[in-house]
Amino acid sequence: MSRQPNPDAERLSKQVVFVLQPSLFAAFERRCRDRYKSVSEVLRELMAAYVRQEE
């Protein structure tokens, strides 16, 4: 039996670490800034889109 997350108990403090080339991060950060979004905001949007796509 798998444990189901309780939406009422979830916290906004989960951390995810990505290891990538500095040039790739610089390009990604620049693209985020050009769209007036933070890196964290864009990563959250990408993860949410991926989860919806897989369901």
N, C-alpha and C. Protein backbone atom coordinates (compact mmCIF):
# COMPACT_ATOMS: atom_id res chain seq x y z
N MET A 1 0.85 -1.17 0.00
CA MET A 1 0.00 0.00 0.00
C MET A 1 0.90 1.24 0.00
N SER A 2 0.73 2.09 -0.98
CA SER A 2 1.56 3.29 -1.06
C SER A 2 0.94 4.42 -0.24
N ARG A 3 1.79 5.24 0.27
CA ARG A 3 1.35 6.37 1.09
C ARG A 3 0.91 7.50 0.18
N GLN A 4 -0.25 8.03 0.43
CA GLN A 4 -0.77 9.13 -0.37
C GLN A 4 -0.48 10.45 0.34
N PRO A 5 -0.03 11.47 -0.42
CA PRO A 5 0.24 12.77 0.21
C PRO A 5 -1.05 13.41 0.69
N ASN A 6 -0.95 14.06 1.81
CA ASN A 6 -2.07 14.81 2.35
C ASN A 6 -1.91 16.26 1.90
N PRO A 7 -2.77 16.74 1.00
CA PRO A 7 -2.61 18.11 0.48
C PRO A 7 -2.65 19.17 1.58
N ASP A 8 -3.36 18.89 2.66
CA ASP A 8 -3.44 19.85 3.75
C ASP A 8 -2.15 19.90 4.56
N ALA A 9 -1.35 18.84 4.49
CA ALA A 9 -0.13 18.77 5.28
C ALA A 9 1.13 19.06 4.47
N GLU A 10 0.99 19.21 3.16
CA GLU A 10 2.17 19.46 2.32
C GLU A 10 2.75 20.83 2.62
N ARG A 11 4.06 20.88 2.58
CA ARG A 11 4.75 22.14 2.82
C ARG A 11 5.41 22.61 1.53
N LEU A 12 5.68 23.87 1.48
CA LEU A 12 6.32 24.44 0.30
C LEU A 12 7.83 24.52 0.47
N SER A 13 8.41 23.55 1.16
CA SER A 13 9.84 23.62 1.43
C SER A 13 10.62 22.43 0.89
N LYS A 14 10.12 21.75 -0.10
CA LYS A 14 10.86 20.65 -0.71
C LYS A 14 11.97 21.22 -1.57
N GLN A 15 13.09 20.56 -1.57
CA GLN A 15 14.22 21.04 -2.36
C GLN A 15 14.60 19.98 -3.40
N VAL A 16 14.92 20.44 -4.59
CA VAL A 16 15.39 19.59 -5.67
C VAL A 16 16.71 20.17 -6.15
N VAL A 17 17.70 19.31 -6.33
CA VAL A 17 19.02 19.78 -6.76
C VAL A 17 19.27 19.27 -8.17
N PHE A 18 19.62 20.18 -9.07
CA PHE A 18 19.97 19.84 -10.44
C PHE A 18 21.46 20.07 -10.62
N VAL A 19 22.12 19.13 -11.25
CA VAL A 19 23.54 19.30 -11.57
C VAL A 19 23.62 19.43 -13.09
N LEU A 20 24.11 20.58 -13.53
CA LEU A 20 24.20 20.81 -14.97
C LEU A 20 25.35 21.75 -15.29
N GLN A 21 25.61 21.87 -16.55
CA GLN A 21 26.72 22.72 -17.00
C GLN A 21 26.40 24.19 -16.71
N PRO A 22 27.41 24.94 -16.26
CA PRO A 22 27.19 26.36 -15.99
C PRO A 22 26.64 27.13 -17.19
N SER A 23 27.07 26.78 -18.38
CA SER A 23 26.58 27.50 -19.57
C SER A 23 25.10 27.22 -19.81
N LEU A 24 24.65 26.00 -19.52
CA LEU A 24 23.23 25.68 -19.68
C LEU A 24 22.40 26.44 -18.65
N PHE A 25 22.89 26.49 -17.41
CA PHE A 25 22.17 27.24 -16.38
C PHE A 25 22.11 28.72 -16.73
N ALA A 26 23.21 29.26 -17.21
CA ALA A 26 23.25 30.68 -17.58
C ALA A 26 22.22 30.99 -18.67
N ALA A 27 22.13 30.12 -19.67
CA ALA A 27 21.17 30.31 -20.75
C ALA A 27 19.73 30.19 -20.22
N PHE A 28 19.49 29.22 -19.34
CA PHE A 28 18.17 29.03 -18.75
C PHE A 28 17.78 30.23 -17.89
N GLU A 29 18.72 30.67 -17.05
CA GLU A 29 18.46 31.81 -16.18
C GLU A 29 18.17 33.08 -17.01
N ARG A 30 18.91 33.26 -18.09
CA ARG A 30 18.70 34.41 -18.97
C ARG A 30 17.30 34.35 -19.59
N ARG A 31 16.91 33.15 -20.05
CA ARG A 31 15.57 32.98 -20.66
C ARG A 31 14.48 33.26 -19.64
N CYS A 32 14.67 32.80 -18.40
CA CYS A 32 13.70 33.07 -17.34
C CYS A 32 13.58 34.57 -17.10
N ARG A 33 14.72 35.22 -16.97
CA ARG A 33 14.75 36.66 -16.71
C ARG A 33 14.08 37.43 -17.85
N ASP A 34 14.31 37.00 -19.10
CA ASP A 34 13.69 37.65 -20.27
C ASP A 34 12.16 37.57 -20.20
N ARG A 35 11.65 36.54 -19.54
CA ARG A 35 10.20 36.35 -19.42
C ARG A 35 9.68 36.83 -18.06
N TYR A 36 10.53 37.55 -17.33
CA TYR A 36 10.16 38.13 -16.03
C TYR A 36 9.68 37.07 -15.04
N LYS A 37 10.37 35.93 -15.01
CA LYS A 37 10.05 34.86 -14.07
C LYS A 37 11.33 34.42 -13.38
N SER A 38 11.17 33.88 -12.17
CA SER A 38 12.33 33.34 -11.46
C SER A 38 12.61 31.92 -11.96
N VAL A 39 13.82 31.46 -11.74
CA VAL A 39 14.19 30.09 -12.11
C VAL A 39 13.27 29.11 -11.38
N SER A 40 13.04 29.33 -10.10
CA SER A 40 12.18 28.44 -9.32
C SER A 40 10.76 28.39 -9.88
N GLU A 41 10.24 29.53 -10.25
CA GLU A 41 8.89 29.60 -10.80
C GLU A 41 8.78 28.77 -12.08
N VAL A 42 9.75 28.92 -12.95
CA VAL A 42 9.73 28.18 -14.22
C VAL A 42 9.88 26.68 -13.98
N LEU A 43 10.76 26.29 -13.07
CA LEU A 43 10.93 24.87 -12.77
C LEU A 43 9.66 24.27 -12.18
N ARG A 44 8.97 25.01 -11.31
CA ARG A 44 7.69 24.51 -10.77
C ARG A 44 6.67 24.33 -11.90
N GLU A 45 6.61 25.29 -12.81
CA GLU A 45 5.67 25.19 -13.94
C GLU A 45 6.01 23.98 -14.82
N LEU A 46 7.30 23.77 -15.09
CA LEU A 46 7.71 22.63 -15.91
C LEU A 46 7.36 21.30 -15.25
N MET A 47 7.59 21.20 -13.94
CA MET A 47 7.27 19.97 -13.22
C MET A 47 5.77 19.70 -13.21
N ALA A 48 4.99 20.74 -12.99
CA ALA A 48 3.54 20.59 -12.98
C ALA A 48 3.02 20.15 -14.36
N ALA A 49 3.56 20.72 -15.42
CA ALA A 49 3.17 20.34 -16.78
C ALA A 49 3.55 18.89 -17.06
N TYR A 50 4.71 18.48 -16.60
CA TYR A 50 5.15 17.10 -16.81
C TYR A 50 4.25 16.11 -16.09
N VAL A 51 3.89 16.42 -14.87
CA VAL A 51 3.00 15.53 -14.09
C VAL A 51 1.63 15.44 -14.77
N ARG A 52 1.10 16.56 -15.22
CA ARG A 52 -0.21 16.53 -15.91
C ARG A 52 -0.13 15.72 -17.19
N GLN A 53 0.98 15.83 -17.91
CA GLN A 53 1.17 15.10 -19.17
C GLN A 53 1.19 13.60 -18.95
N GLU A 54 1.78 13.13 -17.86
CA GLU A 54 1.94 11.71 -17.60
C GLU A 54 0.68 11.05 -17.02
N GLU A 55 -0.28 11.83 -16.55
CA GLU A 55 -1.48 11.24 -15.92
C GLU A 55 -2.44 10.71 -16.93
